[in-house]
Protein backbone atom coordinates (compact mmCIF):
# COMPACT_ATOMS: atom_id res chain seq x y z
CA UNK A 1 145.81 64.09 119.12
CA UNK A 2 145.60 63.32 123.33
CA UNK A 3 142.14 64.27 123.42
CA UNK A 4 141.21 61.51 121.02
CA UNK A 5 143.91 58.75 122.46
CA UNK A 6 142.33 59.83 125.94
CA UNK A 7 138.91 58.98 124.74
CA UNK A 8 139.39 55.69 123.08
CA UNK A 9 141.08 54.83 126.46
CA UNK A 10 138.18 55.89 128.76
CA UNK A 11 135.55 54.19 125.44
CA UNK A 12 137.73 50.74 125.77
CA UNK A 13 137.55 50.94 129.40
CA UNK A 14 134.11 51.37 129.49
CA UNK A 15 133.63 48.33 127.11
CA UNK A 16 135.65 46.03 129.50
CA UNK A 17 133.42 47.15 132.13
CA UNK A 18 130.12 46.19 130.50
CA UNK A 19 131.27 42.85 129.12
CA UNK A 20 132.80 41.85 132.69
CA UNK A 21 129.41 42.78 134.27
CA UNK A 22 127.44 41.57 131.61
CA UNK A 23 129.57 37.88 132.35
CA UNK A 24 128.66 38.31 136.12
CA UNK A 25 124.99 39.09 135.67
CA UNK A 26 124.48 35.78 133.01
CA UNK A 27 126.26 33.25 134.91
CA UNK A 28 123.94 34.66 137.86
CA UNK A 29 120.75 34.30 136.40
CA UNK A 30 121.92 30.60 134.68
CA UNK A 31 123.18 29.58 137.93
CA UNK A 32 120.16 31.23 139.70
CA UNK A 33 117.71 28.98 137.12
CA UNK A 34 120.00 25.86 137.77
CA UNK A 35 119.92 26.17 141.83
CA UNK A 36 116.17 27.03 141.40
CA UNK A 37 115.26 23.39 139.43
CA UNK A 38 118.05 21.60 141.75
CA UNK A 39 115.62 22.57 144.95
CA UNK A 40 112.52 22.14 143.48
CA UNK A 41 113.86 18.14 142.17
CA UNK A 42 112.74 19.23 138.60
CA UNK A 43 111.73 15.46 137.12
CA UNK A 44 113.38 15.88 134.11
CA UNK A 45 116.76 17.62 135.27
CA UNK A 46 116.67 14.59 137.99
CA UNK A 47 116.21 12.25 135.16
CA UNK A 48 119.42 13.38 133.19
CA UNK A 49 121.48 13.52 136.28
CA UNK A 50 120.53 10.10 137.23
CA UNK A 51 121.25 8.70 134.07
CA UNK A 52 124.76 10.04 133.61
CA UNK A 53 125.92 9.63 137.04
CA UNK A 54 124.57 5.83 137.10
CA UNK A 55 126.13 4.67 133.90
CA UNK A 56 129.67 5.89 134.55
CA UNK A 57 129.53 4.38 138.12
CA UNK A 58 128.71 1.02 136.77
CA UNK A 59 131.68 1.73 134.15
CA UNK A 60 134.19 3.00 137.04
CA UNK A 61 132.79 0.15 139.15
CA UNK A 62 133.78 -2.37 136.63
CA UNK A 63 136.95 -1.14 135.87
CA UNK A 64 139.48 -0.14 138.51
CA UNK A 65 142.86 0.36 136.73
CA UNK A 66 140.44 3.10 134.79
CA UNK A 67 139.12 4.71 137.64
CA UNK A 68 142.17 4.90 139.59
CA UNK A 69 143.61 6.70 136.94
CA UNK A 70 140.86 9.04 136.89
CA UNK A 71 141.07 9.34 140.47
CA UNK A 72 144.56 10.30 140.01
CA UNK A 73 143.69 13.14 137.56
CA UNK A 74 140.59 14.51 140.08
CA UNK A 75 143.24 14.55 142.51
CA UNK A 76 145.74 16.81 140.82
CA UNK A 77 143.14 19.17 139.50
CA UNK A 78 141.86 19.65 143.08
CA UNK A 79 140.75 22.87 144.29
CA UNK A 80 144.17 22.88 146.67
CA UNK A 81 146.49 22.49 143.25
CA UNK A 82 144.10 25.63 141.61
CA UNK A 83 144.40 27.25 144.48
CA UNK A 84 148.35 27.33 144.86
CA UNK A 85 149.19 28.20 141.42
CA UNK A 86 146.91 31.30 141.91
CA UNK A 87 149.30 32.14 144.94
CA UNK A 88 151.78 31.47 142.97
CA UNK A 89 151.30 34.08 140.11
CA UNK A 90 149.52 36.38 142.68
CA UNK A 91 153.00 36.94 144.38
CA UNK A 92 155.25 36.87 141.55
CA UNK A 93 153.46 40.12 140.06
CA UNK A 94 153.53 41.57 143.62
CA UNK A 95 157.15 40.87 143.86
CA UNK A 96 157.14 42.65 140.03
CA UNK A 97 155.76 45.39 140.81
CA UNK A 98 151.90 44.57 139.35
CA UNK A 99 150.18 45.09 142.57
CA UNK A 100 146.82 45.54 141.38
CA UNK A 101 147.00 42.48 138.96
CA UNK A 102 148.48 40.70 141.71
CA UNK A 103 145.17 41.73 143.66
CA UNK A 104 142.97 40.95 141.11
CA UNK A 105 144.53 37.00 141.22
CA UNK A 106 143.78 36.89 144.66
CA UNK A 107 140.65 38.01 144.69
CA UNK A 108 139.34 35.66 142.48
CA UNK A 109 141.19 33.32 144.54
CA UNK A 110 139.48 33.86 147.50
CA UNK A 111 135.93 35.32 146.33
CA UNK A 112 136.32 31.76 144.54
CA UNK A 113 136.60 29.96 147.76
CA UNK A 114 134.07 31.66 150.12
CA UNK A 115 131.28 31.56 147.49
CA UNK A 116 131.56 28.07 146.79
CA UNK A 117 131.57 27.30 150.38
CA UNK A 118 128.31 29.86 150.69
CA UNK A 119 126.62 28.09 148.07
CA UNK A 120 127.22 24.70 149.21
CA UNK A 121 126.01 26.06 152.39
CA UNK A 122 122.69 27.61 150.82
CA UNK A 123 121.59 24.75 148.41
CA UNK A 124 123.15 21.63 150.45
CA UNK A 125 122.50 19.09 147.58
CA UNK A 126 123.22 15.41 148.87
CA UNK A 127 125.69 14.38 146.73
CA UNK A 128 124.98 10.87 145.09
CA UNK A 129 124.91 7.62 146.55
CA UNK A 130 125.95 4.72 145.50
CA UNK A 131 125.97 0.56 146.88
CA UNK A 132 129.46 0.05 145.89
CA UNK A 133 130.83 3.64 145.69
CA UNK A 134 134.24 4.13 144.22
CA UNK A 135 135.35 7.04 145.71
CA UNK A 136 134.00 9.91 148.66
CA UNK A 137 133.89 13.08 149.50
CA UNK A 138 132.74 15.56 151.98
CA UNK A 139 130.48 18.17 152.33
CA UNK A 140 127.79 19.02 149.95
CA UNK A 141 127.15 18.57 146.05
CA UNK A 142 126.22 21.92 144.72
CA UNK A 143 128.09 23.61 142.96
CA UNK A 144 130.67 21.40 142.63
CA UNK A 145 133.99 23.06 144.03
CA UNK A 146 136.95 21.03 141.46
CA UNK A 147 134.83 22.78 138.70
CA UNK A 148 134.71 26.36 139.84
CA UNK A 149 138.54 26.30 141.30
CA UNK A 150 139.70 25.28 137.77
CA UNK A 151 137.51 27.37 135.97
CA UNK A 152 138.72 30.24 137.73
CA UNK A 153 142.79 29.32 137.82
CA UNK A 154 142.39 28.20 134.03
CA UNK A 155 140.83 31.64 132.81
CA UNK A 156 143.10 33.87 135.58
CA UNK A 157 146.01 31.81 133.57
CA UNK A 158 144.87 32.45 129.83
CA UNK A 159 143.95 36.22 130.76
CA UNK A 160 147.67 36.50 132.25
CA UNK A 161 149.20 34.87 129.05
CA UNK A 162 147.11 36.33 126.63
CA UNK A 163 148.72 39.38 125.37
CA UNK A 164 152.38 37.46 126.24
CA UNK A 165 151.76 35.52 123.09
CA UNK A 166 150.38 35.68 119.42
CA UNK A 167 147.69 34.52 117.90
CA UNK A 168 148.52 31.22 117.49
CA UNK A 169 149.38 30.81 121.38
CA UNK A 170 146.37 32.17 122.73
CA UNK A 171 144.01 29.57 120.51
CA UNK A 172 146.63 27.23 122.48
CA UNK A 173 146.05 28.50 125.54
CA UNK A 174 142.31 28.43 125.48
CA UNK A 175 142.27 25.09 124.22
CA UNK A 176 144.96 23.59 127.01
CA UNK A 177 142.55 25.28 129.27
CA UNK A 178 139.31 24.45 128.05
CA UNK A 179 140.42 20.94 127.90
CA UNK A 180 141.25 20.72 131.69
CA UNK A 181 138.58 22.23 132.86
CA UNK A 182 136.44 19.47 130.82
CA UNK A 183 138.14 16.54 132.41
CA UNK A 184 138.52 17.99 135.57
CA UNK A 185 134.25 18.60 136.04
CA UNK A 186 134.04 15.15 133.96
CA UNK A 187 135.99 12.99 136.61
CA UNK A 188 134.00 14.55 139.55
CA UNK A 189 131.14 12.77 137.80
CA UNK A 190 133.09 9.45 136.78
CA UNK A 191 134.11 8.60 140.36
CA UNK A 192 130.53 9.38 141.34
CA UNK A 193 131.08 12.17 143.97
CA UNK A 194 128.84 14.78 141.88
CA UNK A 195 125.81 15.21 139.73
CA UNK A 196 126.16 16.56 135.82
CA UNK A 197 124.41 19.36 137.14
CA UNK A 198 126.93 20.24 139.79
CA UNK A 199 129.36 20.44 137.47
CA UNK A 200 127.78 22.88 135.40
CA UNK A 201 126.84 24.92 138.52
CA UNK A 202 130.74 24.95 139.06
CA UNK A 203 131.63 26.42 135.79
CA UNK A 204 128.51 28.81 136.29
CA UNK A 205 129.92 30.43 139.69
CA UNK A 206 133.29 30.93 138.05
CA UNK A 207 131.71 32.99 135.55
CA UNK A 208 130.01 34.73 138.42
CA UNK A 209 133.40 35.50 140.28
CA UNK A 210 135.24 36.21 137.16
CA UNK A 211 133.34 38.78 136.19
CA UNK A 212 132.42 40.70 138.81
CA UNK A 213 136.12 40.70 140.69
CA UNK A 214 137.41 42.20 137.39
CA UNK A 215 134.33 44.79 137.08
CA UNK A 216 134.85 45.74 140.68
CA UNK A 217 138.76 45.97 140.34
CA UNK A 218 137.89 48.02 137.75
CA UNK A 219 135.70 50.49 139.29
CA UNK A 220 138.09 51.16 142.28
CA UNK A 221 141.34 51.49 139.84
CA UNK A 222 140.10 52.45 136.13
CA UNK A 223 142.60 51.21 133.69
CA UNK A 224 145.10 50.05 136.35
CA UNK A 225 144.77 46.18 135.41
CA UNK A 226 145.89 47.09 132.16
CA UNK A 227 148.63 49.50 132.95
CA UNK A 228 149.78 46.71 134.96
CA UNK A 229 149.51 43.94 132.04
CA UNK A 230 151.80 46.41 130.11
CA UNK A 231 154.35 46.80 133.03
CA UNK A 232 154.67 43.33 133.34
CA UNK A 233 154.97 42.75 129.73
CA UNK A 234 157.63 44.95 129.62
CA UNK A 235 159.68 43.76 132.50
CA UNK A 236 159.40 40.07 130.73
CA UNK A 237 160.33 41.18 127.34
CA UNK A 238 164.26 39.64 126.29
CA UNK A 239 166.53 42.26 127.75
CA UNK A 240 168.12 42.88 124.68
CA UNK A 241 164.52 43.86 123.40
CA UNK A 242 164.47 46.41 126.25
CA UNK A 243 167.95 47.90 126.00
CA UNK A 244 166.91 48.69 122.28
CA UNK A 245 163.15 49.47 122.77
CA UNK A 246 161.78 53.24 123.75
CA UNK A 247 160.57 53.49 127.07
CA UNK A 248 156.53 52.98 127.78
CA UNK A 249 154.86 55.51 126.35
CA UNK A 250 157.67 57.75 124.77
CA UNK A 251 158.56 57.61 121.08
CA UNK A 252 161.55 56.14 119.15
CA UNK A 253 164.11 57.60 117.48
CA UNK A 254 162.68 57.71 114.68
CA UNK A 255 159.42 58.91 115.81
CA UNK A 256 161.32 62.02 117.00
CA UNK A 257 163.21 62.43 113.87
CA UNK A 258 160.06 62.26 112.08
CA UNK A 259 157.36 64.47 114.62
CA UNK A 260 161.25 67.12 114.32
CA UNK A 261 160.68 66.86 110.22
CA UNK A 262 157.06 67.94 110.08
CA UNK A 263 158.02 70.68 112.70
CA UNK A 264 160.55 72.65 111.00
CA UNK A 265 158.93 72.40 107.63
CA UNK A 266 155.64 73.58 109.22
CA UNK A 267 157.62 76.33 110.52
CA UNK A 268 159.54 77.40 107.44
CA UNK A 269 155.83 77.64 105.77
C-alpha cells in the first residue's frame, strides 16, 4: 500500500513537472516567433497593430470621460498594484510557515519584474505615437508590463485558491482572473501606449515565468509545494473542523477501528 502511494505521488510530481516545463517552452516558442515578427516589421502584423490602435485612439480622443475611466482601470491594475498583492501573499505564507510556497510567489514576482525589464531592453520597440495622445508611458513597448504583471499575479492567486474552493469557486476565480487580465491588457491598447502584439507578448512572457519558476521549484524541492498547499489548507480550516479532524497523514478513529477489526479477523484465521 505504501509503495503504491509512493509511486503514485512520484508519478503525479513528474506529470506536474512536465506540464510546467511544457507551459514555459510553448510560451517561449510563441514569444520568440512574435518577437521575430515584430523586429522584422512583418507587414500583416504591423497593419493589424496600427488598425486596432488607431481606431481605439480616435474613440479615446473623442470621449474624454470614457478615457478617464479607462485610465483609472489601468492605474488600478498597474504593475505596482500587482507586485504589492504578490508581496502580501508571500509575506502571509511565510508567516504561517509555508516557506517554499512563499518563495514560489516571491520568485514569480521577482523573475517577472526582471524578465520584463530584460525583454524590453532586448527588443527596444517604440510605443505608438499620435498627434494628440490621451496618455503617456515611459520605456520600451514590447512586451506590455501591465499585461505581464497582471497575468502572473492573477495566475498565482488562482493557484493559491484552487484547493481551497469547490468547482464552482474555481470557475468563478478563473472567470474573475481572466476578465481582469483581459481588461488590463485592453486598457493599455485603448490608451494608445501599447500595440496589441505588446499585450499578447506580455501574456506569453507571463506563461514563461510561471512555468519556469514552478518547474525550478519542483526540481529544487520535489513535492514541497504540494506539502505547503496542504499545510495552508489545514491551518486555514475552521477551528471546529481542525479539532475533530485527524492530523494530516493519520487515519481517523473509524479507519483505525476498521483496520483493527481486519487485523483481528486475520489473526483468528
